[in-house]
Amino acid sequence: MLLSCGYPGAPAHSSLTFSAPELKPGVVASYACERGFELLGPARRICQADGRWLPEGIPFCAK
């Protein structure tokens, strides 16, 4: 059975976009930071069939 993923979380000073409106397996979450901030961690995470986002860990935006 395929599980949908929950909201993957977004760091402060970032924007998060999804490749599809529903958070289902295969959907890609793409992170970007506001101007003046640098993204540390994965820029993209993918929803898995077991409901987890991989890679694990939410990136963050640093000055």
C-alpha atoms as a PDB file:
ATOM      1  CA  MET A   1       0.000   0.000   0.000  1.00  0.00           C
ATOM      2  CA  LEU A   2       1.335   3.420  -0.921  1.00  0.00           C
ATOM      3  CA  LEU A   3       1.325   6.032   1.792  1.00  0.00           C
ATOM      4  CA  SER A   4       1.193   9.748   1.241  1.00  0.00           C
ATOM      5  CA  CYS A   5       3.909  11.844   2.806  1.00  0.00           C
ATOM      6  CA  GLY A   6       3.191  14.505   5.384  1.00  0.00           C
ATOM      7  CA  TYR A   7       4.419  18.053   4.979  1.00  0.00           C
ATOM      8  CA  PRO A   8       8.226  17.725   4.860  1.00  0.00           C
ATOM      9  CA  GLY A   9       8.929  20.901   6.812  1.00  0.00           C
ATOM     10  CA  ALA A  10      10.651  24.025   5.589  1.00  0.00           C
ATOM     11  CA  PRO A  11      13.398  26.039   7.252  1.00  0.00           C
ATOM     12  CA  ALA A  12      13.130  29.728   8.064  1.00  0.00           C
ATOM     13  CA  HIS A  13      13.969  32.082   5.162  1.00  0.00           C
ATOM     14  CA  SER A  14      13.126  29.444   2.553  1.00  0.00           C
ATOM     15  CA  SER A  15      10.559  28.622  -0.074  1.00  0.00           C
ATOM     16  CA  LEU A  16       9.344  25.105  -0.751  1.00  0.00           C
ATOM     17  CA  THR A  17       7.798  23.909  -3.995  1.00  0.00           C
ATOM     18  CA  PHE A  18       6.384  20.522  -4.938  1.00  0.00           C
ATOM     19  CA  SER A  19       6.393  18.731  -8.294  1.00  0.00           C
ATOM     20  CA  ALA A  20       2.684  17.824  -7.852  1.00  0.00           C
ATOM     21  CA  PRO A  21      -0.218  19.126  -5.722  1.00  0.00           C
ATOM     22  CA  GLU A  22      -0.637  15.918  -3.686  1.00  0.00           C
ATOM     23  CA  LEU A  23       2.197  14.619  -1.513  1.00  0.00           C
ATOM     24  CA  LYS A  24       2.302  11.104  -2.958  1.00  0.00           C
ATOM     25  CA  PRO A  25       5.260   8.774  -3.613  1.00  0.00           C
ATOM     26  CA  GLY A  26       7.570  10.140  -6.275  1.00  0.00           C
ATOM     27  CA  VAL A  27       6.731  13.775  -5.587  1.00  0.00           C
ATOM     28  CA  VAL A  28       9.798  15.992  -5.288  1.00  0.00           C
ATOM     29  CA  ALA A  29      10.047  18.768  -2.696  1.00  0.00           C
ATOM     30  CA  SER A  30      12.474  21.487  -3.810  1.00  0.00           C
ATOM     31  CA  TYR A  31      13.961  23.985  -1.359  1.00  0.00           C
ATOM     32  CA  ALA A  32      15.326  27.454  -2.102  1.00  0.00           C
ATOM     33  CA  CYS A  33      16.552  30.154   0.263  1.00  0.00           C
ATOM     34  CA  GLU A  34      15.785  33.858   0.224  1.00  0.00           C
ATOM     35  CA  ARG A  35      18.402  36.137  -1.264  1.00  0.00           C
ATOM     36  CA  GLY A  36      21.392  36.493   1.031  1.00  0.00           C
ATOM     37  CA  PHE A  37      20.971  33.020   2.537  1.00  0.00           C
ATOM     38  CA  GLU A  38      22.761  29.804   1.592  1.00  0.00           C
ATOM     39  CA  LEU A  39      21.030  26.413   1.562  1.00  0.00           C
ATOM     40  CA  LEU A  40      22.764  23.858   3.768  1.00  0.00           C
ATOM     41  CA  GLY A  41      21.522  20.318   3.265  1.00  0.00           C
ATOM     42  CA  PRO A  42      19.543  18.648   0.480  1.00  0.00           C
ATOM     43  CA  ALA A  43      17.979  20.961  -2.106  1.00  0.00           C
ATOM     44  CA  ARG A  44      15.535  18.197  -3.087  1.00  0.00           C
ATOM     45  CA  ARG A  45      13.768  15.467  -1.153  1.00  0.00           C
ATOM     46  CA  ILE A  46      11.552  12.731  -2.631  1.00  0.00           C
ATOM     47  CA  CYS A  47       8.408  11.216  -1.089  1.00  0.00           C
ATOM     48  CA  GLN A  48       8.837   7.448  -0.679  1.00  0.00           C
ATOM     49  CA  ALA A  49       6.190   4.708  -0.868  1.00  0.00           C
ATOM     50  CA  ASP A  50       6.429   4.189   2.907  1.00  0.00           C
ATOM     51  CA  GLY A  51       5.513   7.827   3.613  1.00  0.00           C
ATOM     52  CA  ARG A  52       9.035   9.053   4.403  1.00  0.00           C
ATOM     53  CA  TRP A  53      10.956  11.871   2.719  1.00  0.00           C
ATOM     54  CA  LEU A  54      14.477  11.015   1.549  1.00  0.00           C
ATOM     55  CA  PRO A  55      17.105  12.114   2.120  1.00  0.00           C
ATOM     56  CA  GLU A  56      16.185  12.527   5.775  1.00  0.00           C
ATOM     57  CA  GLY A  57      16.729  15.829   7.529  1.00  0.00           C
ATOM     58  CA  ILE A  58      15.368  19.244   6.682  1.00  0.00           C
ATOM     59  CA  PRO A  59      17.914  21.607   5.147  1.00  0.00           C
ATOM     60  CA  PHE A  60      18.365  25.096   6.556  1.00  0.00           C
ATOM     61  CA  CYS A  61      19.194  28.539   5.250  1.00  0.00           C
ATOM     62  CA  ALA A  62      22.251  30.231   6.730  1.00  0.00           C
ATOM     63  CA  LYS A  63      23.538  33.776   6.345  1.00  0.00           C
END
